[in-house]
Amino acid sequence: MRYTRIVLFGLVLVMVVSLVVSMARLRPAPGGATTPTPAGGETPAAVAGYLVHRDEASGFTIYYPEDWTPIPQEWQTAEVVGGYRDDSDCGGILASFRVGTRDEPSAMSVQDYSEALKEDYAAVEGCAFVGEEELTVAGVEAMEQVYTLVEDEVTVKRKQIVLVQGTRVWFIVCDAGASCWGAYEPIFDTVVNSFQLLP
C-alpha cells in the first residue's frame, strides 16, 4: 500500500512538472507578442501586432510594430537603409530603430568592430557606455552594446546590435528616452530577434 502511494505521488509530480514546462513554453513574450526563433535565411513566423519590412536591395527582413511609421527620409543615409519610429513622444524623444549596413575594406571580427565602436562613442560628449553582451542574431555572431547619450538635455538610451560577415557589417540601432526604456525594451528585443538576412 505504501509503495502504491509513493508511485502515485511520483506520477502526479511528473504530470505537474510537465504541465508547468508546457505552459512556460506557450507563454507569450513581453508586450503580448510571440518572439520568433530566427534561423538564418528563413522568414520568421508571423508576430502578433507586427508587420514585416522586406528590403531586397539591402538583403534583409525585419518586423516592426504595426502602429509605427517609417523613419523620415532625412534620417536615412548611405548606411542607414530603413527603420521605424513610434510617433508618440515619451521621455522627450520619439522611440525608433534603424537598420544599416556597410562594407569594410577588410574582414574583421565582431569583437574588433565593437571595440572600434566603443572608441567612437567615447569621443562623443555626453555619452556613457553601459554594457555589452555577445549574442546570435539571424544565425550570425553579434554584439549588443548599450549607451546613454544626452541630447538637448534629454537622456537617450541606445541599444546597438552589430553583426559582421566577412567585410559586411550590419547594425540595428534602437533609441528611446531613458525614462521610457522599460516600455520599449521588449519591443526592441522582438524587432532584433526577427531580423533575417535574405539568401
N, C-alpha and C. Protein backbone atom coordinates (compact mmCIF):
# COMPACT_ATOMS: atom_id res chain seq x y z
N MET A 1 0.83 -1.20 0.00
CA MET A 1 0.00 0.00 0.00
C MET A 1 0.87 1.26 0.00
N ARG A 2 1.91 1.25 0.85
CA ARG A 2 2.81 2.40 0.92
C ARG A 2 3.54 2.58 -0.41
N TYR A 3 3.97 1.47 -1.01
CA TYR A 3 4.67 1.51 -2.30
C TYR A 3 3.76 2.13 -3.37
N THR A 4 2.47 1.78 -3.36
CA THR A 4 1.50 2.30 -4.33
C THR A 4 1.35 3.81 -4.17
N ARG A 5 1.33 4.30 -2.92
CA ARG A 5 1.22 5.75 -2.68
C ARG A 5 2.45 6.49 -3.20
N ILE A 6 3.62 5.90 -2.99
CA ILE A 6 4.86 6.54 -3.46
C ILE A 6 4.86 6.63 -4.98
N VAL A 7 4.47 5.54 -5.64
CA VAL A 7 4.42 5.53 -7.11
C VAL A 7 3.40 6.54 -7.60
N LEU A 8 2.22 6.57 -6.96
CA LEU A 8 1.17 7.50 -7.34
C LEU A 8 1.63 8.95 -7.15
N PHE A 9 2.30 9.23 -6.04
CA PHE A 9 2.83 10.57 -5.78
C PHE A 9 3.85 10.95 -6.85
N GLY A 10 4.71 10.01 -7.22
CA GLY A 10 5.72 10.26 -8.26
C GLY A 10 5.08 10.59 -9.59
N LEU A 11 4.03 9.84 -9.97
CA LEU A 11 3.34 10.10 -11.23
C LEU A 11 2.68 11.47 -11.24
N VAL A 12 2.03 11.83 -10.14
CA VAL A 12 1.39 13.14 -10.04
C VAL A 12 2.44 14.25 -10.15
N LEU A 13 3.57 14.07 -9.49
CA LEU A 13 4.65 15.06 -9.54
C LEU A 13 5.15 15.24 -10.97
N VAL A 14 5.36 14.14 -11.69
CA VAL A 14 5.81 14.21 -13.09
C VAL A 14 4.78 14.95 -13.95
N MET A 15 3.50 14.69 -13.73
CA MET A 15 2.45 15.35 -14.51
C MET A 15 2.43 16.86 -14.24
N VAL A 16 2.58 17.24 -12.97
CA VAL A 16 2.58 18.67 -12.62
C VAL A 16 3.77 19.38 -13.26
N VAL A 17 4.96 18.77 -13.17
CA VAL A 17 6.16 19.37 -13.77
C VAL A 17 5.98 19.50 -15.28
N SER A 18 5.44 18.47 -15.94
CA SER A 18 5.21 18.52 -17.39
C SER A 18 4.25 19.64 -17.76
N LEU A 19 3.21 19.81 -16.96
CA LEU A 19 2.24 20.87 -17.22
C LEU A 19 2.87 22.26 -17.09
N VAL A 20 3.67 22.45 -16.04
CA VAL A 20 4.34 23.75 -15.83
C VAL A 20 5.29 24.06 -16.98
N VAL A 21 6.07 23.06 -17.42
CA VAL A 21 7.01 23.26 -18.53
C VAL A 21 6.25 23.61 -19.81
N SER A 22 5.14 22.90 -20.08
CA SER A 22 4.35 23.17 -21.28
C SER A 22 3.78 24.58 -21.27
N MET A 23 3.29 25.01 -20.11
CA MET A 23 2.73 26.36 -20.01
C MET A 23 3.80 27.42 -20.20
N ALA A 24 5.00 27.17 -19.67
CA ALA A 24 6.09 28.14 -19.82
C ALA A 24 6.46 28.31 -21.29
N ARG A 25 6.41 27.22 -22.06
CA ARG A 25 6.75 27.30 -23.48
C ARG A 25 5.72 28.09 -24.26
N LEU A 26 4.47 28.07 -23.82
CA LEU A 26 3.41 28.76 -24.52
C LEU A 26 3.24 30.21 -24.10
N ARG A 27 3.94 30.61 -23.02
CA ARG A 27 3.79 31.97 -22.51
C ARG A 27 4.27 32.98 -23.54
N PRO A 28 3.46 34.01 -23.88
CA PRO A 28 3.89 34.99 -24.87
C PRO A 28 5.01 35.87 -24.34
N ALA A 29 5.77 36.43 -25.26
CA ALA A 29 6.85 37.36 -24.90
C ALA A 29 6.24 38.63 -24.35
N PRO A 30 7.03 39.49 -23.65
CA PRO A 30 6.51 40.74 -23.13
C PRO A 30 5.85 41.56 -24.22
N GLY A 31 4.79 42.26 -23.87
CA GLY A 31 4.09 43.08 -24.85
C GLY A 31 3.05 42.30 -25.62
N GLY A 32 2.85 41.02 -25.28
CA GLY A 32 1.82 40.22 -25.92
C GLY A 32 2.25 39.61 -27.23
N ALA A 33 3.48 39.85 -27.68
CA ALA A 33 3.92 39.29 -28.95
C ALA A 33 4.77 38.06 -28.71
N THR A 34 4.63 37.09 -29.59
CA THR A 34 5.47 35.92 -29.50
C THR A 34 6.74 36.20 -30.28
N THR A 35 7.88 36.09 -29.62
CA THR A 35 9.15 36.37 -30.28
C THR A 35 9.52 35.22 -31.18
N PRO A 36 9.79 35.48 -32.47
CA PRO A 36 10.14 34.40 -33.37
C PRO A 36 11.52 33.83 -33.05
N THR A 37 11.70 32.57 -33.38
CA THR A 37 13.01 31.97 -33.25
C THR A 37 13.65 31.99 -34.63
N PRO A 38 14.64 32.88 -34.83
CA PRO A 38 15.18 33.01 -36.17
C PRO A 38 16.09 31.86 -36.55
N ALA A 39 16.12 31.55 -37.83
CA ALA A 39 17.07 30.59 -38.38
C ALA A 39 17.59 31.21 -39.66
N GLY A 40 18.89 31.42 -39.73
CA GLY A 40 19.49 32.19 -40.81
C GLY A 40 18.90 31.96 -42.18
N GLY A 41 18.47 33.05 -42.83
CA GLY A 41 17.98 32.98 -44.19
C GLY A 41 16.51 32.62 -44.31
N GLU A 42 15.85 32.17 -43.26
CA GLU A 42 14.44 31.80 -43.35
C GLU A 42 13.57 32.97 -42.89
N THR A 43 12.33 32.99 -43.39
CA THR A 43 11.40 34.01 -42.93
C THR A 43 10.85 33.59 -41.58
N PRO A 44 10.97 34.43 -40.55
CA PRO A 44 10.46 34.03 -39.24
C PRO A 44 8.94 33.97 -39.23
N ALA A 45 8.40 33.26 -38.27
CA ALA A 45 6.95 33.14 -38.14
C ALA A 45 6.34 34.51 -37.87
N ALA A 46 5.08 34.67 -38.25
CA ALA A 46 4.39 35.94 -38.02
C ALA A 46 4.37 36.27 -36.54
N VAL A 47 4.45 37.55 -36.24
CA VAL A 47 4.45 38.02 -34.86
C VAL A 47 3.20 38.89 -34.66
N ALA A 48 2.38 38.53 -33.68
CA ALA A 48 1.14 39.27 -33.44
C ALA A 48 1.44 40.74 -33.16
N GLY A 49 0.74 41.64 -33.88
CA GLY A 49 0.91 43.07 -33.67
C GLY A 49 2.08 43.68 -34.43
N TYR A 50 2.75 42.87 -35.26
CA TYR A 50 3.91 43.35 -36.01
C TYR A 50 3.71 43.09 -37.50
N LEU A 51 4.33 43.93 -38.33
CA LEU A 51 4.34 43.75 -39.78
C LEU A 51 5.79 43.52 -40.21
N VAL A 52 5.97 42.94 -41.39
CA VAL A 52 7.32 42.64 -41.86
C VAL A 52 7.78 43.69 -42.86
N HIS A 53 9.01 44.13 -42.72
CA HIS A 53 9.67 45.03 -43.67
C HIS A 53 10.68 44.17 -44.43
N ARG A 54 10.54 44.13 -45.73
CA ARG A 54 11.46 43.32 -46.56
C ARG A 54 12.22 44.25 -47.48
N ASP A 55 13.54 44.20 -47.42
CA ASP A 55 14.38 45.06 -48.25
C ASP A 55 15.25 44.15 -49.13
N GLU A 56 14.78 43.94 -50.36
CA GLU A 56 15.50 43.06 -51.29
C GLU A 56 16.86 43.65 -51.66
N ALA A 57 16.91 44.97 -51.85
CA ALA A 57 18.16 45.60 -52.28
C ALA A 57 19.26 45.45 -51.23
N SER A 58 18.90 45.62 -49.96
CA SER A 58 19.90 45.52 -48.89
C SER A 58 19.97 44.11 -48.30
N GLY A 59 19.01 43.24 -48.66
CA GLY A 59 19.11 41.84 -48.29
C GLY A 59 18.71 41.47 -46.88
N PHE A 60 17.58 42.03 -46.38
CA PHE A 60 17.16 41.65 -45.03
C PHE A 60 15.66 41.79 -44.88
N THR A 61 15.12 41.14 -43.86
CA THR A 61 13.75 41.36 -43.40
C THR A 61 13.80 41.65 -41.91
N ILE A 62 12.84 42.42 -41.43
CA ILE A 62 12.75 42.72 -40.01
C ILE A 62 11.30 43.08 -39.70
N TYR A 63 10.85 42.74 -38.52
CA TYR A 63 9.49 43.08 -38.10
C TYR A 63 9.48 44.41 -37.36
N TYR A 64 8.34 45.12 -37.45
CA TYR A 64 8.17 46.38 -36.73
C TYR A 64 6.73 46.46 -36.22
N PRO A 65 6.49 47.17 -35.11
CA PRO A 65 5.13 47.29 -34.59
C PRO A 65 4.21 47.91 -35.63
N GLU A 66 3.01 47.35 -35.78
CA GLU A 66 2.11 47.76 -36.85
C GLU A 66 1.67 49.22 -36.75
N ASP A 67 1.77 49.84 -35.56
CA ASP A 67 1.36 51.24 -35.43
C ASP A 67 2.54 52.20 -35.51
N TRP A 68 3.75 51.70 -35.82
CA TRP A 68 4.90 52.58 -36.00
C TRP A 68 4.97 53.01 -37.46
N THR A 69 5.63 54.14 -37.71
CA THR A 69 5.74 54.68 -39.07
C THR A 69 7.20 54.67 -39.53
N PRO A 70 7.42 54.67 -40.86
CA PRO A 70 8.80 54.68 -41.34
C PRO A 70 9.54 55.94 -40.87
N ILE A 71 10.84 55.79 -40.62
CA ILE A 71 11.63 56.95 -40.24
C ILE A 71 11.66 57.93 -41.41
N PRO A 72 11.78 59.23 -41.12
CA PRO A 72 11.81 60.21 -42.22
C PRO A 72 13.04 60.02 -43.11
N GLN A 73 12.90 60.47 -44.34
CA GLN A 73 13.97 60.33 -45.32
C GLN A 73 15.28 60.94 -44.82
N GLU A 74 15.19 62.06 -44.08
CA GLU A 74 16.42 62.72 -43.61
C GLU A 74 17.17 61.90 -42.56
N TRP A 75 16.51 60.90 -41.98
CA TRP A 75 17.20 60.02 -41.02
C TRP A 75 18.01 58.95 -41.75
N GLN A 76 17.73 58.76 -43.03
CA GLN A 76 18.43 57.73 -43.78
C GLN A 76 19.70 58.30 -44.40
N THR A 77 20.70 57.45 -44.50
CA THR A 77 21.99 57.85 -45.07
C THR A 77 22.42 56.75 -46.04
N ALA A 78 23.64 56.84 -46.52
CA ALA A 78 24.16 55.77 -47.37
C ALA A 78 24.22 54.45 -46.61
N GLU A 79 24.38 54.54 -45.28
CA GLU A 79 24.48 53.33 -44.46
C GLU A 79 23.16 52.95 -43.80
N VAL A 80 22.37 53.93 -43.34
CA VAL A 80 21.08 53.65 -42.71
C VAL A 80 20.05 53.45 -43.82
N VAL A 81 19.59 52.21 -43.98
CA VAL A 81 18.75 51.87 -45.13
C VAL A 81 17.26 51.74 -44.77
N GLY A 82 16.90 51.87 -43.52
CA GLY A 82 15.50 51.79 -43.14
C GLY A 82 15.32 51.83 -41.65
N GLY A 83 14.07 51.90 -41.24
CA GLY A 83 13.76 51.92 -39.82
C GLY A 83 12.36 52.45 -39.58
N TYR A 84 11.93 52.36 -38.32
CA TYR A 84 10.59 52.78 -37.94
C TYR A 84 10.62 53.50 -36.60
N ARG A 85 9.58 54.31 -36.36
CA ARG A 85 9.52 55.06 -35.11
C ARG A 85 8.10 55.06 -34.57
N ASP A 86 8.03 55.28 -33.25
CA ASP A 86 6.75 55.46 -32.57
C ASP A 86 6.50 56.96 -32.53
N ASP A 87 5.38 57.40 -33.07
CA ASP A 87 5.12 58.83 -33.16
C ASP A 87 4.62 59.46 -31.87
N SER A 88 4.50 58.67 -30.79
CA SER A 88 4.13 59.26 -29.51
C SER A 88 5.40 59.60 -28.74
N ASP A 89 5.49 60.84 -28.29
CA ASP A 89 6.67 61.31 -27.57
C ASP A 89 6.67 60.74 -26.16
N CYS A 90 7.75 60.07 -25.81
CA CYS A 90 7.89 59.55 -24.45
C CYS A 90 9.31 59.80 -24.00
N GLY A 91 9.46 60.48 -22.88
CA GLY A 91 10.80 60.75 -22.37
C GLY A 91 11.54 61.82 -23.15
N GLY A 92 10.81 62.61 -23.95
CA GLY A 92 11.44 63.72 -24.66
C GLY A 92 11.89 63.41 -26.07
N ILE A 93 11.77 62.14 -26.52
CA ILE A 93 12.14 61.81 -27.91
C ILE A 93 11.15 60.79 -28.46
N LEU A 94 11.21 60.58 -29.78
CA LEU A 94 10.42 59.54 -30.42
C LEU A 94 11.25 58.27 -30.44
N ALA A 95 10.75 57.21 -29.83
CA ALA A 95 11.46 55.93 -29.85
C ALA A 95 11.54 55.44 -31.28
N SER A 96 12.65 54.80 -31.63
CA SER A 96 12.83 54.36 -33.01
C SER A 96 13.88 53.26 -33.08
N PHE A 97 13.90 52.58 -34.24
CA PHE A 97 15.03 51.72 -34.56
C PHE A 97 15.41 51.95 -36.01
N ARG A 98 16.69 51.80 -36.30
CA ARG A 98 17.22 51.98 -37.64
C ARG A 98 18.08 50.78 -37.99
N VAL A 99 18.03 50.37 -39.25
CA VAL A 99 18.84 49.26 -39.74
C VAL A 99 19.82 49.82 -40.75
N GLY A 100 21.05 49.38 -40.65
CA GLY A 100 22.06 49.86 -41.60
C GLY A 100 23.04 48.77 -41.95
N THR A 101 23.79 49.02 -42.98
CA THR A 101 24.82 48.08 -43.42
C THR A 101 25.94 48.85 -44.12
N ARG A 102 27.12 48.29 -44.04
CA ARG A 102 28.26 48.90 -44.71
C ARG A 102 29.29 47.83 -45.02
N ASP A 103 30.15 48.13 -45.99
CA ASP A 103 31.25 47.23 -46.34
C ASP A 103 32.55 47.83 -45.85
N GLU A 104 33.30 47.01 -45.13
CA GLU A 104 34.62 47.43 -44.65
C GLU A 104 35.68 47.03 -45.68
N PRO A 105 36.83 47.69 -45.68
CA PRO A 105 37.88 47.36 -46.65
C PRO A 105 38.45 45.95 -46.46
N SER A 106 38.41 45.44 -45.23
CA SER A 106 38.92 44.09 -44.97
C SER A 106 38.07 43.41 -43.92
N ALA A 107 38.14 42.08 -43.88
CA ALA A 107 37.34 41.30 -42.92
C ALA A 107 37.80 41.60 -41.50
N MET A 108 36.86 41.59 -40.58
CA MET A 108 37.18 41.79 -39.17
C MET A 108 36.18 41.03 -38.31
N SER A 109 36.55 40.79 -37.07
CA SER A 109 35.65 40.08 -36.17
C SER A 109 34.64 41.06 -35.57
N VAL A 110 33.54 40.52 -35.06
CA VAL A 110 32.54 41.37 -34.43
C VAL A 110 33.10 42.01 -33.16
N GLN A 111 34.02 41.31 -32.50
CA GLN A 111 34.65 41.87 -31.29
C GLN A 111 35.51 43.08 -31.65
N ASP A 112 36.31 42.97 -32.72
CA ASP A 112 37.15 44.09 -33.14
C ASP A 112 36.30 45.29 -33.56
N TYR A 113 35.23 45.01 -34.30
CA TYR A 113 34.37 46.11 -34.75
C TYR A 113 33.71 46.79 -33.56
N SER A 114 33.28 45.99 -32.59
CA SER A 114 32.62 46.54 -31.39
C SER A 114 33.58 47.39 -30.57
N GLU A 115 34.84 46.97 -30.47
CA GLU A 115 35.82 47.77 -29.75
C GLU A 115 36.03 49.12 -30.43
N ALA A 116 36.05 49.11 -31.76
CA ALA A 116 36.20 50.37 -32.51
C ALA A 116 34.99 51.27 -32.27
N LEU A 117 33.80 50.67 -32.21
CA LEU A 117 32.59 51.46 -31.92
C LEU A 117 32.67 52.12 -30.56
N LYS A 118 33.14 51.36 -29.56
CA LYS A 118 33.27 51.91 -28.21
C LYS A 118 34.18 53.13 -28.20
N GLU A 119 35.26 53.05 -28.95
CA GLU A 119 36.18 54.19 -29.04
C GLU A 119 35.50 55.40 -29.68
N ASP A 120 34.70 55.13 -30.73
CA ASP A 120 33.98 56.23 -31.39
C ASP A 120 32.99 56.89 -30.43
N TYR A 121 32.23 56.06 -29.70
CA TYR A 121 31.25 56.62 -28.76
C TYR A 121 31.93 57.35 -27.60
N ALA A 122 33.09 56.88 -27.19
CA ALA A 122 33.81 57.52 -26.08
C ALA A 122 34.17 58.97 -26.42
N ALA A 123 34.30 59.25 -27.72
CA ALA A 123 34.66 60.60 -28.15
C ALA A 123 33.44 61.52 -28.22
N VAL A 124 32.25 60.97 -28.04
CA VAL A 124 31.02 61.78 -28.13
C VAL A 124 30.72 62.38 -26.76
N GLU A 125 30.58 63.70 -26.72
CA GLU A 125 30.29 64.39 -25.46
C GLU A 125 28.91 63.98 -24.94
N GLY A 126 28.83 63.69 -23.66
CA GLY A 126 27.57 63.33 -23.04
C GLY A 126 27.18 61.87 -23.23
N CYS A 127 28.11 61.06 -23.74
CA CYS A 127 27.83 59.64 -23.99
C CYS A 127 28.51 58.79 -22.92
N ALA A 128 27.79 57.77 -22.44
CA ALA A 128 28.37 56.86 -21.45
C ALA A 128 28.09 55.41 -21.87
N PHE A 129 29.11 54.58 -21.78
CA PHE A 129 28.98 53.16 -22.09
C PHE A 129 28.33 52.46 -20.90
N VAL A 130 27.27 51.66 -21.14
CA VAL A 130 26.56 50.96 -20.08
C VAL A 130 26.98 49.50 -19.99
N GLY A 131 27.09 48.83 -21.12
CA GLY A 131 27.49 47.42 -21.10
C GLY A 131 27.36 46.78 -22.45
N GLU A 132 27.81 45.53 -22.55
CA GLU A 132 27.71 44.81 -23.81
C GLU A 132 27.48 43.32 -23.55
N GLU A 133 26.98 42.64 -24.58
CA GLU A 133 26.68 41.22 -24.45
C GLU A 133 26.83 40.57 -25.82
N GLU A 134 27.46 39.40 -25.86
CA GLU A 134 27.56 38.63 -27.10
C GLU A 134 26.26 37.86 -27.28
N LEU A 135 25.76 37.82 -28.53
CA LEU A 135 24.57 37.05 -28.83
C LEU A 135 24.59 36.59 -30.28
N THR A 136 23.56 35.88 -30.67
CA THR A 136 23.44 35.42 -32.05
C THR A 136 22.16 36.00 -32.63
N VAL A 137 22.28 36.63 -33.78
CA VAL A 137 21.13 37.21 -34.47
C VAL A 137 21.15 36.70 -35.90
N ALA A 138 20.04 36.15 -36.36
CA ALA A 138 19.93 35.60 -37.72
C ALA A 138 20.99 34.54 -37.98
N GLY A 139 21.35 33.80 -36.94
CA GLY A 139 22.35 32.75 -37.09
C GLY A 139 23.77 33.26 -37.20
N VAL A 140 23.98 34.55 -36.93
CA VAL A 140 25.30 35.18 -37.06
C VAL A 140 25.74 35.69 -35.68
N GLU A 141 27.03 35.51 -35.38
CA GLU A 141 27.58 36.05 -34.14
C GLU A 141 27.40 37.56 -34.12
N ALA A 142 26.92 38.09 -33.00
CA ALA A 142 26.62 39.52 -32.90
C ALA A 142 27.05 40.06 -31.54
N MET A 143 27.09 41.37 -31.44
CA MET A 143 27.42 42.04 -30.19
C MET A 143 26.37 43.12 -29.94
N GLU A 144 25.85 43.14 -28.72
CA GLU A 144 24.91 44.18 -28.31
C GLU A 144 25.63 45.12 -27.37
N GLN A 145 25.58 46.41 -27.67
CA GLN A 145 26.16 47.43 -26.80
C GLN A 145 25.07 48.40 -26.39
N VAL A 146 25.13 48.86 -25.14
CA VAL A 146 24.15 49.81 -24.63
C VAL A 146 24.87 51.07 -24.16
N TYR A 147 24.31 52.21 -24.53
CA TYR A 147 24.88 53.51 -24.18
C TYR A 147 23.78 54.43 -23.68
N THR A 148 24.16 55.46 -22.96
CA THR A 148 23.26 56.59 -22.72
C THR A 148 23.92 57.82 -23.34
N LEU A 149 23.08 58.66 -23.94
CA LEU A 149 23.56 59.89 -24.56
C LEU A 149 22.67 61.03 -24.10
N VAL A 150 23.24 62.18 -23.88
CA VAL A 150 22.46 63.35 -23.51
C VAL A 150 22.41 64.26 -24.73
N GLU A 151 21.18 64.48 -25.23
CA GLU A 151 20.98 65.33 -26.41
C GLU A 151 19.93 66.38 -26.07
N ASP A 152 20.30 67.64 -26.13
CA ASP A 152 19.38 68.74 -25.81
C ASP A 152 18.72 68.53 -24.45
N GLU A 153 19.52 68.19 -23.45
CA GLU A 153 19.09 67.98 -22.07
C GLU A 153 18.15 66.79 -21.88
N VAL A 154 18.05 65.93 -22.88
CA VAL A 154 17.25 64.71 -22.79
C VAL A 154 18.19 63.52 -22.79
N THR A 155 18.00 62.60 -21.83
CA THR A 155 18.84 61.41 -21.78
C THR A 155 18.21 60.31 -22.63
N VAL A 156 18.97 59.87 -23.61
CA VAL A 156 18.54 58.83 -24.54
C VAL A 156 19.28 57.54 -24.20
N LYS A 157 18.57 56.44 -24.20
CA LYS A 157 19.22 55.14 -24.03
C LYS A 157 19.26 54.49 -25.40
N ARG A 158 20.41 53.92 -25.74
CA ARG A 158 20.61 53.32 -27.06
C ARG A 158 21.11 51.89 -26.93
N LYS A 159 20.46 50.98 -27.65
CA LYS A 159 20.93 49.62 -27.79
C LYS A 159 21.36 49.45 -29.23
N GLN A 160 22.61 49.07 -29.44
CA GLN A 160 23.12 48.90 -30.80
C GLN A 160 23.61 47.47 -30.97
N ILE A 161 23.06 46.78 -31.96
CA ILE A 161 23.44 45.40 -32.25
C ILE A 161 24.23 45.40 -33.54
N VAL A 162 25.38 44.72 -33.53
CA VAL A 162 26.25 44.67 -34.69
C VAL A 162 26.48 43.21 -35.08
N LEU A 163 26.35 42.91 -36.38
CA LEU A 163 26.66 41.61 -36.94
C LEU A 163 27.74 41.80 -37.98
N VAL A 164 28.69 40.90 -38.07
CA VAL A 164 29.76 41.00 -39.06
C VAL A 164 29.87 39.68 -39.81
N GLN A 165 29.82 39.78 -41.15
CA GLN A 165 30.04 38.62 -42.01
C GLN A 165 31.12 39.00 -43.00
N GLY A 166 32.35 38.57 -42.72
CA GLY A 166 33.47 38.92 -43.60
C GLY A 166 33.72 40.42 -43.57
N THR A 167 33.51 41.07 -44.73
CA THR A 167 33.70 42.52 -44.79
C THR A 167 32.38 43.28 -44.65
N ARG A 168 31.27 42.55 -44.58
CA ARG A 168 29.95 43.20 -44.47
C ARG A 168 29.53 43.34 -43.02
N VAL A 169 29.13 44.54 -42.65
CA VAL A 169 28.67 44.84 -41.29
C VAL A 169 27.20 45.24 -41.34
N TRP A 170 26.42 44.67 -40.42
CA TRP A 170 25.02 45.03 -40.26
C TRP A 170 24.86 45.63 -38.87
N PHE A 171 24.00 46.62 -38.74
CA PHE A 171 23.73 47.17 -37.41
C PHE A 171 22.27 47.53 -37.26
N ILE A 172 21.76 47.35 -36.06
CA ILE A 172 20.40 47.75 -35.69
C ILE A 172 20.55 48.66 -34.48
N VAL A 173 20.08 49.89 -34.60
CA VAL A 173 20.22 50.88 -33.54
C VAL A 173 18.83 51.21 -33.00
N CYS A 174 18.62 50.99 -31.70
CA CYS A 174 17.33 51.22 -31.05
C CYS A 174 17.49 52.36 -30.03
N ASP A 175 16.67 53.39 -30.15
CA ASP A 175 16.73 54.55 -29.26
C ASP A 175 15.39 54.80 -28.58
N ALA A 176 15.43 55.19 -27.31
CA ALA A 176 14.22 55.63 -26.59
C ALA A 176 14.68 56.52 -25.44
N GLY A 177 13.77 57.36 -24.97
CA GLY A 177 14.06 58.16 -23.79
C GLY A 177 14.40 57.23 -22.63
N ALA A 178 15.42 57.57 -21.87
CA ALA A 178 15.86 56.69 -20.77
C ALA A 178 14.73 56.42 -19.78
N SER A 179 13.87 57.42 -19.55
CA SER A 179 12.78 57.25 -18.59
C SER A 179 11.69 56.32 -19.10
N CYS A 180 11.67 56.05 -20.41
CA CYS A 180 10.65 55.18 -21.01
C CYS A 180 11.23 53.85 -21.49
N TRP A 181 12.50 53.61 -21.22
CA TRP A 181 13.18 52.45 -21.78
C TRP A 181 12.47 51.13 -21.45
N GLY A 182 11.99 51.00 -20.23
CA GLY A 182 11.34 49.75 -19.81
C GLY A 182 10.15 49.40 -20.68
N ALA A 183 9.43 50.40 -21.17
CA ALA A 183 8.26 50.15 -22.02
C ALA A 183 8.67 49.72 -23.42
N TYR A 184 9.82 50.20 -23.89
CA TYR A 184 10.24 49.92 -25.27
C TYR A 184 11.18 48.72 -25.41
N GLU A 185 11.87 48.35 -24.35
CA GLU A 185 12.87 47.28 -24.48
C GLU A 185 12.28 45.97 -25.00
N PRO A 186 11.09 45.52 -24.54
CA PRO A 186 10.53 44.28 -25.11
C PRO A 186 10.24 44.40 -26.61
N ILE A 187 9.83 45.59 -27.05
CA ILE A 187 9.57 45.82 -28.48
C ILE A 187 10.88 45.71 -29.24
N PHE A 188 11.93 46.37 -28.74
CA PHE A 188 13.22 46.30 -29.42
C PHE A 188 13.75 44.88 -29.48
N ASP A 189 13.55 44.12 -28.40
CA ASP A 189 14.01 42.72 -28.39
C ASP A 189 13.30 41.91 -29.47
N THR A 190 11.99 42.12 -29.62
CA THR A 190 11.24 41.41 -30.66
C THR A 190 11.73 41.80 -32.04
N VAL A 191 11.96 43.09 -32.26
CA VAL A 191 12.45 43.59 -33.55
C VAL A 191 13.80 42.94 -33.88
N VAL A 192 14.73 42.98 -32.94
CA VAL A 192 16.07 42.43 -33.17
C VAL A 192 16.00 40.93 -33.43
N ASN A 193 15.20 40.20 -32.65
CA ASN A 193 15.10 38.75 -32.82
C ASN A 193 14.46 38.36 -34.15
N SER A 194 13.71 39.28 -34.77
CA SER A 194 13.06 38.97 -36.04
C SER A 194 13.97 39.22 -37.25
N PHE A 195 15.09 39.87 -37.03
CA PHE A 195 15.98 40.25 -38.15
C PHE A 195 16.50 39.00 -38.87
N GLN A 196 16.37 39.00 -40.19
CA GLN A 196 16.86 37.89 -41.01
C GLN A 196 17.60 38.43 -42.23
N LEU A 197 18.65 37.73 -42.62
CA LEU A 197 19.36 38.05 -43.85
C LEU A 197 18.75 37.21 -44.96
N LEU A 198 18.51 37.83 -46.10
CA LEU A 198 17.95 37.09 -47.24
C LEU A 198 19.03 36.25 -47.91
N PRO A 199 18.67 35.07 -48.38
CA PRO A 199 19.67 34.21 -49.05
C PRO A 199 20.14 34.78 -50.36
